[in-house]
Amino acid sequence: MIHFWNPHENLRERTGIKILAQCEWAGQGHQLPHQELVGQLTKCEVEIEGRSVVFYVRENLDRQQLFLLSSNERMALKGGHQGKRKPMMSRQVLELCAPDWCWDEIAVMVQEADAHGRGVRGHRLFTKKWAEERLRQWEREMERMQDE
């Protein structure tokens, strides 16, 4: 897993982006369900034209380039099996869920804030409803783990 933004950096001072919540999410492999990759989902806020805008960013793979992933390719995407311990960045993208009126502006901010310079794109299935549900599910999982 690669962390999208390090919350200890001065992200808000550099870009005006405030991180509201973060969680992990697991995406399945393209063809085989056991090929799971873990990414990060981040809920953010930024002020644009005097308005506070909430948006969501998640790590994902560019599945257009994928057919089947071997275990070695999956490990490479996670950062293993490579001498420098850096993940294979060519297939990694950041997906953005933001209002249409400011999507382009936020996409530029997100790409500039990403230490890895990954591309930013939209995804029709990545919606505010999906993101909020995943954040609630993560919160419930963390509470359950603390209770145990």
N, C-alpha and C. Protein backbone atom coordinates (compact mmCIF):
# COMPACT_ATOMS: atom_id res chain seq x y z
N MET A 1 0.83 -1.19 0.00
CA MET A 1 0.00 0.00 0.00
C MET A 1 0.87 1.24 0.00
N ILE A 2 0.50 2.21 -0.77
CA ILE A 2 1.19 3.49 -0.79
C ILE A 2 0.26 4.49 -0.15
N HIS A 3 0.78 5.30 0.72
CA HIS A 3 -0.07 6.34 1.31
C HIS A 3 -0.12 7.54 0.39
N PHE A 4 -1.31 7.98 0.14
CA PHE A 4 -1.55 9.07 -0.78
C PHE A 4 -0.89 10.36 -0.30
N TRP A 5 -1.22 10.78 0.90
CA TRP A 5 -0.60 11.96 1.48
C TRP A 5 -0.15 11.63 2.88
N ASN A 6 0.98 12.12 3.25
CA ASN A 6 1.45 11.96 4.62
C ASN A 6 0.83 13.09 5.43
N PRO A 7 -0.05 12.76 6.38
CA PRO A 7 -0.74 13.82 7.12
C PRO A 7 0.20 14.67 7.97
N HIS A 8 1.45 14.24 8.16
CA HIS A 8 2.38 15.01 8.97
C HIS A 8 3.03 16.14 8.17
N GLU A 9 2.94 16.07 6.86
CA GLU A 9 3.47 17.15 6.05
C GLU A 9 2.54 18.36 6.17
N ASN A 10 3.04 19.50 5.80
CA ASN A 10 2.24 20.73 5.88
C ASN A 10 1.39 20.86 4.62
N LEU A 11 0.54 19.89 4.40
CA LEU A 11 -0.27 19.85 3.18
C LEU A 11 -1.17 21.07 3.07
N ARG A 12 -1.83 21.43 4.17
CA ARG A 12 -2.77 22.54 4.11
C ARG A 12 -2.07 23.85 3.80
N GLU A 13 -0.89 24.04 4.37
CA GLU A 13 -0.16 25.28 4.11
C GLU A 13 0.33 25.34 2.67
N ARG A 14 0.73 24.18 2.12
CA ARG A 14 1.26 24.14 0.76
C ARG A 14 0.18 24.25 -0.29
N THR A 15 -0.95 23.59 -0.08
CA THR A 15 -1.96 23.48 -1.14
C THR A 15 -3.33 24.01 -0.76
N GLY A 16 -3.58 24.23 0.52
CA GLY A 16 -4.91 24.63 0.97
C GLY A 16 -5.84 23.44 1.18
N ILE A 17 -5.33 22.22 0.99
CA ILE A 17 -6.15 21.02 1.16
C ILE A 17 -6.10 20.56 2.61
N LYS A 18 -7.27 20.34 3.18
CA LYS A 18 -7.38 19.84 4.55
C LYS A 18 -7.87 18.41 4.50
N ILE A 19 -7.16 17.49 5.15
CA ILE A 19 -7.59 16.08 5.20
C ILE A 19 -8.61 15.92 6.32
N LEU A 20 -9.80 15.43 5.99
CA LEU A 20 -10.86 15.23 6.96
C LEU A 20 -10.89 13.80 7.50
N ALA A 21 -10.61 12.82 6.64
CA ALA A 21 -10.65 11.42 7.06
C ALA A 21 -9.84 10.59 6.06
N GLN A 22 -9.31 9.47 6.56
CA GLN A 22 -8.58 8.54 5.71
C GLN A 22 -8.93 7.12 6.13
N CYS A 23 -8.92 6.22 5.17
CA CYS A 23 -9.11 4.81 5.48
C CYS A 23 -8.50 3.98 4.36
N GLU A 24 -8.38 2.71 4.61
CA GLU A 24 -7.92 1.79 3.58
C GLU A 24 -9.14 1.20 2.89
N TRP A 25 -8.96 0.82 1.64
CA TRP A 25 -10.00 0.08 0.94
C TRP A 25 -9.31 -0.97 0.09
N ALA A 26 -9.97 -2.07 -0.09
CA ALA A 26 -9.38 -3.18 -0.84
C ALA A 26 -10.11 -3.32 -2.16
N GLY A 27 -9.34 -3.28 -3.24
CA GLY A 27 -9.89 -3.47 -4.57
C GLY A 27 -9.50 -4.84 -5.08
N GLN A 28 -10.42 -5.51 -5.72
CA GLN A 28 -10.13 -6.85 -6.22
C GLN A 28 -9.34 -6.78 -7.51
N GLY A 29 -8.66 -7.88 -7.79
CA GLY A 29 -7.93 -8.00 -9.04
C GLY A 29 -8.88 -7.97 -10.21
N HIS A 30 -8.35 -7.74 -11.38
CA HIS A 30 -9.17 -7.56 -12.58
C HIS A 30 -10.03 -8.78 -12.88
N GLN A 31 -9.44 -9.97 -12.89
CA GLN A 31 -10.17 -11.17 -13.24
C GLN A 31 -10.38 -12.11 -12.04
N LEU A 32 -9.42 -12.15 -11.16
CA LEU A 32 -9.47 -13.12 -10.07
C LEU A 32 -9.70 -12.42 -8.73
N PRO A 33 -10.73 -12.81 -7.99
CA PRO A 33 -11.06 -12.08 -6.76
C PRO A 33 -10.00 -12.17 -5.68
N HIS A 34 -9.12 -13.17 -5.72
CA HIS A 34 -8.10 -13.28 -4.67
C HIS A 34 -6.92 -12.33 -4.92
N GLN A 35 -6.92 -11.63 -6.02
CA GLN A 35 -5.83 -10.70 -6.31
C GLN A 35 -6.19 -9.33 -5.75
N GLU A 36 -6.17 -9.21 -4.45
CA GLU A 36 -6.61 -8.00 -3.79
C GLU A 36 -5.44 -7.03 -3.58
N LEU A 37 -5.68 -5.77 -3.88
CA LEU A 37 -4.72 -4.72 -3.61
C LEU A 37 -5.35 -3.72 -2.66
N VAL A 38 -4.57 -3.26 -1.71
CA VAL A 38 -5.07 -2.31 -0.73
C VAL A 38 -4.64 -0.91 -1.12
N GLY A 39 -5.57 0.00 -1.11
CA GLY A 39 -5.29 1.40 -1.42
C GLY A 39 -5.82 2.28 -0.31
N GLN A 40 -5.67 3.56 -0.49
CA GLN A 40 -6.12 4.51 0.51
C GLN A 40 -7.23 5.38 -0.06
N LEU A 41 -8.22 5.65 0.78
CA LEU A 41 -9.31 6.57 0.46
C LEU A 41 -9.16 7.77 1.38
N THR A 42 -9.21 8.95 0.82
CA THR A 42 -9.00 10.17 1.60
C THR A 42 -10.15 11.15 1.33
N LYS A 43 -10.74 11.65 2.41
CA LYS A 43 -11.77 12.68 2.31
C LYS A 43 -11.09 14.01 2.63
N CYS A 44 -11.26 14.98 1.73
CA CYS A 44 -10.56 16.26 1.86
C CYS A 44 -11.52 17.43 1.71
N GLU A 45 -11.00 18.59 2.09
CA GLU A 45 -11.76 19.83 1.94
C GLU A 45 -10.80 20.91 1.45
N VAL A 46 -11.29 21.75 0.58
CA VAL A 46 -10.50 22.87 0.07
C VAL A 46 -11.46 24.03 -0.19
N GLU A 47 -10.94 25.24 -0.13
CA GLU A 47 -11.76 26.40 -0.41
C GLU A 47 -11.48 26.87 -1.82
N ILE A 48 -12.55 26.96 -2.63
CA ILE A 48 -12.44 27.43 -4.02
C ILE A 48 -13.49 28.50 -4.24
N GLU A 49 -13.06 29.63 -4.73
CA GLU A 49 -13.96 30.76 -5.00
C GLU A 49 -14.80 31.11 -3.77
N GLY A 50 -14.20 31.05 -2.60
CA GLY A 50 -14.88 31.39 -1.36
C GLY A 50 -15.85 30.34 -0.84
N ARG A 51 -15.87 29.17 -1.49
CA ARG A 51 -16.77 28.09 -1.08
C ARG A 51 -15.96 26.91 -0.58
N SER A 52 -16.43 26.28 0.47
CA SER A 52 -15.78 25.08 0.99
C SER A 52 -16.26 23.88 0.17
N VAL A 53 -15.31 23.12 -0.39
CA VAL A 53 -15.65 21.99 -1.25
C VAL A 53 -15.06 20.71 -0.63
N VAL A 54 -15.91 19.71 -0.43
CA VAL A 54 -15.46 18.41 0.04
C VAL A 54 -15.30 17.49 -1.17
N PHE A 55 -14.19 16.77 -1.19
CA PHE A 55 -13.94 15.84 -2.29
C PHE A 55 -13.25 14.60 -1.75
N TYR A 56 -13.18 13.57 -2.58
CA TYR A 56 -12.62 12.28 -2.19
C TYR A 56 -11.58 11.84 -3.22
N VAL A 57 -10.51 11.22 -2.72
CA VAL A 57 -9.46 10.70 -3.59
C VAL A 57 -9.17 9.28 -3.16
N ARG A 58 -9.05 8.37 -4.12
CA ARG A 58 -8.66 7.00 -3.79
C ARG A 58 -7.58 6.52 -4.74
N GLU A 59 -6.71 5.66 -4.22
CA GLU A 59 -5.70 5.03 -5.03
C GLU A 59 -6.33 3.86 -5.77
N ASN A 60 -5.91 3.66 -7.00
CA ASN A 60 -6.40 2.52 -7.75
C ASN A 60 -5.39 2.18 -8.84
N LEU A 61 -5.69 1.13 -9.55
CA LEU A 61 -4.87 0.72 -10.68
C LEU A 61 -5.57 1.12 -11.97
N ASP A 62 -4.78 1.42 -12.97
CA ASP A 62 -5.33 1.69 -14.29
C ASP A 62 -5.64 0.34 -14.93
N ARG A 63 -6.84 -0.11 -14.79
CA ARG A 63 -7.21 -1.46 -15.22
C ARG A 63 -7.30 -1.59 -16.73
N GLN A 64 -7.24 -0.49 -17.45
CA GLN A 64 -7.25 -0.59 -18.91
C GLN A 64 -5.98 -1.28 -19.40
N GLN A 65 -4.92 -1.21 -18.61
CA GLN A 65 -3.66 -1.82 -19.02
C GLN A 65 -3.54 -3.26 -18.52
N LEU A 66 -4.54 -3.74 -17.81
CA LEU A 66 -4.43 -5.04 -17.17
C LEU A 66 -5.34 -6.06 -17.85
N PHE A 67 -4.90 -7.29 -17.88
CA PHE A 67 -5.78 -8.39 -18.24
C PHE A 67 -5.79 -9.36 -17.08
N LEU A 68 -4.70 -10.03 -16.85
CA LEU A 68 -4.53 -10.86 -15.66
C LEU A 68 -3.24 -10.44 -14.98
N LEU A 69 -3.24 -10.46 -13.68
CA LEU A 69 -2.04 -10.13 -12.92
C LEU A 69 -1.45 -11.40 -12.34
N SER A 70 -0.18 -11.60 -12.54
CA SER A 70 0.48 -12.71 -11.86
C SER A 70 0.83 -12.27 -10.44
N SER A 71 1.19 -13.20 -9.59
CA SER A 71 1.54 -12.85 -8.22
C SER A 71 2.77 -11.94 -8.19
N ASN A 72 3.71 -12.15 -9.11
CA ASN A 72 4.88 -11.28 -9.15
C ASN A 72 4.52 -9.86 -9.54
N GLU A 73 3.61 -9.72 -10.49
CA GLU A 73 3.18 -8.38 -10.88
C GLU A 73 2.45 -7.70 -9.72
N ARG A 74 1.62 -8.46 -9.00
CA ARG A 74 0.89 -7.92 -7.86
C ARG A 74 1.86 -7.43 -6.79
N MET A 75 2.91 -8.23 -6.54
CA MET A 75 3.92 -7.82 -5.56
C MET A 75 4.66 -6.58 -6.04
N ALA A 76 4.91 -6.48 -7.32
CA ALA A 76 5.59 -5.30 -7.86
C ALA A 76 4.72 -4.07 -7.65
N LEU A 77 3.41 -4.22 -7.85
CA LEU A 77 2.50 -3.10 -7.65
C LEU A 77 2.46 -2.68 -6.18
N LYS A 78 2.65 -3.63 -5.28
CA LYS A 78 2.66 -3.32 -3.85
C LYS A 78 4.01 -2.79 -3.39
N GLY A 79 5.04 -2.95 -4.20
CA GLY A 79 6.34 -2.42 -3.84
C GLY A 79 7.38 -3.48 -3.54
N GLY A 80 7.02 -4.75 -3.60
CA GLY A 80 7.98 -5.82 -3.37
C GLY A 80 8.63 -6.26 -4.67
N HIS A 81 9.56 -7.16 -4.60
CA HIS A 81 10.24 -7.74 -5.76
C HIS A 81 10.94 -6.70 -6.63
N GLN A 82 11.17 -5.54 -6.12
CA GLN A 82 11.95 -4.55 -6.86
C GLN A 82 13.02 -4.03 -5.93
N GLY A 83 14.23 -3.91 -6.44
CA GLY A 83 15.37 -3.58 -5.61
C GLY A 83 15.22 -2.28 -4.85
N LYS A 84 14.56 -1.30 -5.43
CA LYS A 84 14.46 0.02 -4.80
C LYS A 84 13.28 0.10 -3.83
N ARG A 85 12.51 -0.95 -3.76
CA ARG A 85 11.31 -0.96 -2.90
C ARG A 85 10.32 0.13 -3.26
N LYS A 86 10.30 0.51 -4.52
CA LYS A 86 9.31 1.47 -4.97
C LYS A 86 8.29 0.73 -5.81
N PRO A 87 7.03 1.03 -5.64
CA PRO A 87 6.01 0.34 -6.42
C PRO A 87 6.08 0.73 -7.89
N MET A 88 5.54 -0.14 -8.70
CA MET A 88 5.49 0.12 -10.13
C MET A 88 4.43 1.19 -10.37
N MET A 89 4.86 2.36 -10.73
CA MET A 89 3.96 3.50 -10.78
C MET A 89 3.18 3.60 -12.10
N SER A 90 3.59 2.90 -13.13
CA SER A 90 2.97 3.09 -14.43
C SER A 90 1.49 2.72 -14.42
N ARG A 91 1.08 1.84 -13.55
CA ARG A 91 -0.32 1.41 -13.53
C ARG A 91 -1.12 2.05 -12.41
N GLN A 92 -0.50 2.84 -11.57
CA GLN A 92 -1.21 3.42 -10.44
C GLN A 92 -1.76 4.79 -10.79
N VAL A 93 -2.99 5.03 -10.37
CA VAL A 93 -3.65 6.32 -10.61
C VAL A 93 -4.36 6.74 -9.34
N LEU A 94 -4.70 8.00 -9.28
CA LEU A 94 -5.56 8.52 -8.22
C LEU A 94 -6.90 8.84 -8.86
N GLU A 95 -7.95 8.39 -8.22
CA GLU A 95 -9.30 8.67 -8.72
C GLU A 95 -9.91 9.76 -7.86
N LEU A 96 -10.59 10.67 -8.50
CA LEU A 96 -11.13 11.85 -7.83
C LEU A 96 -12.64 11.89 -7.96
N CYS A 97 -13.29 12.13 -6.84
CA CYS A 97 -14.74 12.37 -6.80
C CYS A 97 -14.93 13.79 -6.26
N ALA A 98 -15.30 14.70 -7.13
CA ALA A 98 -15.45 16.11 -6.76
C ALA A 98 -16.59 16.71 -7.59
N PRO A 99 -17.13 17.84 -7.14
CA PRO A 99 -18.18 18.49 -7.94
C PRO A 99 -17.67 18.86 -9.33
N ASP A 100 -18.56 18.77 -10.31
CA ASP A 100 -18.19 19.04 -11.70
C ASP A 100 -17.63 20.44 -11.91
N TRP A 101 -18.21 21.44 -11.21
CA TRP A 101 -17.83 22.82 -11.46
C TRP A 101 -16.39 23.13 -11.08
N CYS A 102 -15.76 22.29 -10.23
CA CYS A 102 -14.39 22.57 -9.82
C CYS A 102 -13.49 21.34 -9.96
N TRP A 103 -13.95 20.33 -10.70
CA TRP A 103 -13.20 19.07 -10.80
C TRP A 103 -11.80 19.29 -11.36
N ASP A 104 -11.69 20.04 -12.44
CA ASP A 104 -10.38 20.25 -13.08
C ASP A 104 -9.39 20.94 -12.14
N GLU A 105 -9.85 21.95 -11.44
CA GLU A 105 -8.99 22.69 -10.52
C GLU A 105 -8.51 21.79 -9.37
N ILE A 106 -9.42 20.99 -8.83
CA ILE A 106 -9.05 20.09 -7.74
C ILE A 106 -8.12 18.99 -8.25
N ALA A 107 -8.34 18.51 -9.46
CA ALA A 107 -7.47 17.47 -10.03
C ALA A 107 -6.03 17.96 -10.12
N VAL A 108 -5.84 19.20 -10.50
CA VAL A 108 -4.49 19.77 -10.58
C VAL A 108 -3.88 19.83 -9.18
N MET A 109 -4.66 20.29 -8.19
CA MET A 109 -4.17 20.36 -6.81
C MET A 109 -3.75 18.99 -6.29
N VAL A 110 -4.58 17.99 -6.55
CA VAL A 110 -4.32 16.63 -6.07
C VAL A 110 -3.04 16.08 -6.70
N GLN A 111 -2.90 16.26 -7.99
CA GLN A 111 -1.70 15.73 -8.65
C GLN A 111 -0.44 16.44 -8.15
N GLU A 112 -0.51 17.74 -7.93
CA GLU A 112 0.64 18.47 -7.40
C GLU A 112 0.97 18.04 -5.97
N ALA A 113 -0.05 17.67 -5.20
CA ALA A 113 0.18 17.28 -3.80
C ALA A 113 0.69 15.85 -3.68
N ASP A 114 0.49 15.04 -4.71
CA ASP A 114 0.91 13.64 -4.66
C ASP A 114 2.42 13.56 -4.86
N ALA A 115 3.10 12.98 -3.89
CA ALA A 115 4.56 12.87 -3.94
C ALA A 115 5.03 12.01 -5.11
N HIS A 116 4.16 11.13 -5.61
CA HIS A 116 4.55 10.23 -6.69
C HIS A 116 4.16 10.75 -8.07
N GLY A 117 3.43 11.86 -8.13
CA GLY A 117 3.06 12.45 -9.41
C GLY A 117 2.15 11.58 -10.26
N ARG A 118 1.30 10.78 -9.60
CA ARG A 118 0.41 9.90 -10.35
C ARG A 118 -0.67 10.71 -11.05
N GLY A 119 -1.19 10.14 -12.13
CA GLY A 119 -2.27 10.77 -12.86
C GLY A 119 -3.56 10.78 -12.05
N VAL A 120 -4.42 11.73 -12.34
CA VAL A 120 -5.72 11.85 -11.66
C VAL A 120 -6.80 11.68 -12.70
N ARG A 121 -7.80 10.89 -12.37
CA ARG A 121 -8.90 10.66 -13.30
C ARG A 121 -10.19 10.46 -12.52
N GLY A 122 -11.29 10.50 -13.20
CA GLY A 122 -12.58 10.20 -12.61
C GLY A 122 -12.92 8.74 -12.86
N HIS A 123 -13.89 8.24 -12.11
CA HIS A 123 -14.37 6.88 -12.31
C HIS A 123 -15.85 6.89 -12.01
N ARG A 124 -16.64 6.39 -12.92
CA ARG A 124 -18.10 6.49 -12.78
C ARG A 124 -18.66 5.78 -11.56
N LEU A 125 -17.95 4.76 -11.06
CA LEU A 125 -18.43 4.02 -9.89
C LEU A 125 -17.88 4.58 -8.57
N PHE A 126 -16.97 5.55 -8.65
CA PHE A 126 -16.43 6.17 -7.45
C PHE A 126 -17.26 7.41 -7.16
N THR A 127 -18.20 7.26 -6.23
CA THR A 127 -19.15 8.32 -5.93
C THR A 127 -19.04 8.73 -4.46
N LYS A 128 -19.67 9.84 -4.14
CA LYS A 128 -19.70 10.31 -2.75
C LYS A 128 -20.36 9.26 -1.86
N LYS A 129 -21.43 8.65 -2.35
CA LYS A 129 -22.13 7.62 -1.58
C LYS A 129 -21.21 6.44 -1.28
N TRP A 130 -20.46 5.97 -2.30
CA TRP A 130 -19.52 4.86 -2.10
C TRP A 130 -18.46 5.23 -1.07
N ALA A 131 -17.88 6.44 -1.22
CA ALA A 131 -16.80 6.88 -0.33
C ALA A 131 -17.28 7.01 1.11
N GLU A 132 -18.43 7.62 1.32
CA GLU A 132 -18.95 7.79 2.68
C GLU A 132 -19.27 6.44 3.32
N GLU A 133 -19.81 5.52 2.54
CA GLU A 133 -20.10 4.18 3.08
C GLU A 133 -18.81 3.47 3.48
N ARG A 134 -17.79 3.57 2.66
CA ARG A 134 -16.51 2.93 2.99
C ARG A 134 -15.88 3.56 4.24
N LEU A 135 -15.97 4.87 4.39
CA LEU A 135 -15.44 5.53 5.59
C LEU A 135 -16.20 5.09 6.84
N ARG A 136 -17.52 4.96 6.74
CA ARG A 136 -18.32 4.48 7.89
C ARG A 136 -17.97 3.04 8.22
N GLN A 137 -17.81 2.22 7.20
CA GLN A 137 -17.45 0.82 7.41
C GLN A 137 -16.08 0.72 8.10
N TRP A 138 -15.13 1.53 7.68
CA TRP A 138 -13.79 1.54 8.29
C TRP A 138 -13.88 1.95 9.76
N GLU A 139 -14.70 2.98 10.03
CA GLU A 139 -14.86 3.45 11.41
C GLU A 139 -15.45 2.35 12.29
N ARG A 140 -16.44 1.62 11.77
CA ARG A 140 -17.04 0.51 12.54
C ARG A 140 -16.00 -0.58 12.79
N GLU A 141 -15.18 -0.89 11.78
CA GLU A 141 -14.14 -1.90 11.93
C GLU A 141 -13.13 -1.50 13.00
N MET A 142 -12.75 -0.22 13.03
CA MET A 142 -11.77 0.26 14.01
C MET A 142 -12.37 0.22 15.42
N GLU A 143 -13.65 0.59 15.57
CA GLU A 143 -14.31 0.52 16.87
C GLU A 143 -14.40 -0.92 17.37
N ARG A 144 -14.73 -1.83 16.46
CA ARG A 144 -14.83 -3.24 16.83
C ARG A 144 -13.48 -3.77 17.29
N MET A 145 -12.41 -3.38 16.60
CA MET A 145 -11.07 -3.84 16.97
C MET A 145 -10.67 -3.30 18.35
N GLN A 146 -11.08 -2.07 18.67
CA GLN A 146 -10.75 -1.49 19.97
C GLN A 146 -11.52 -2.17 21.08
N ASP A 147 -12.75 -2.62 20.79
CA ASP A 147 -13.57 -3.29 21.79
C ASP A 147 -13.06 -4.69 22.13
N GLU A 148 -12.34 -5.30 21.21
CA GLU A 148 -11.87 -6.67 21.43
C GLU A 148 -10.70 -6.73 22.36
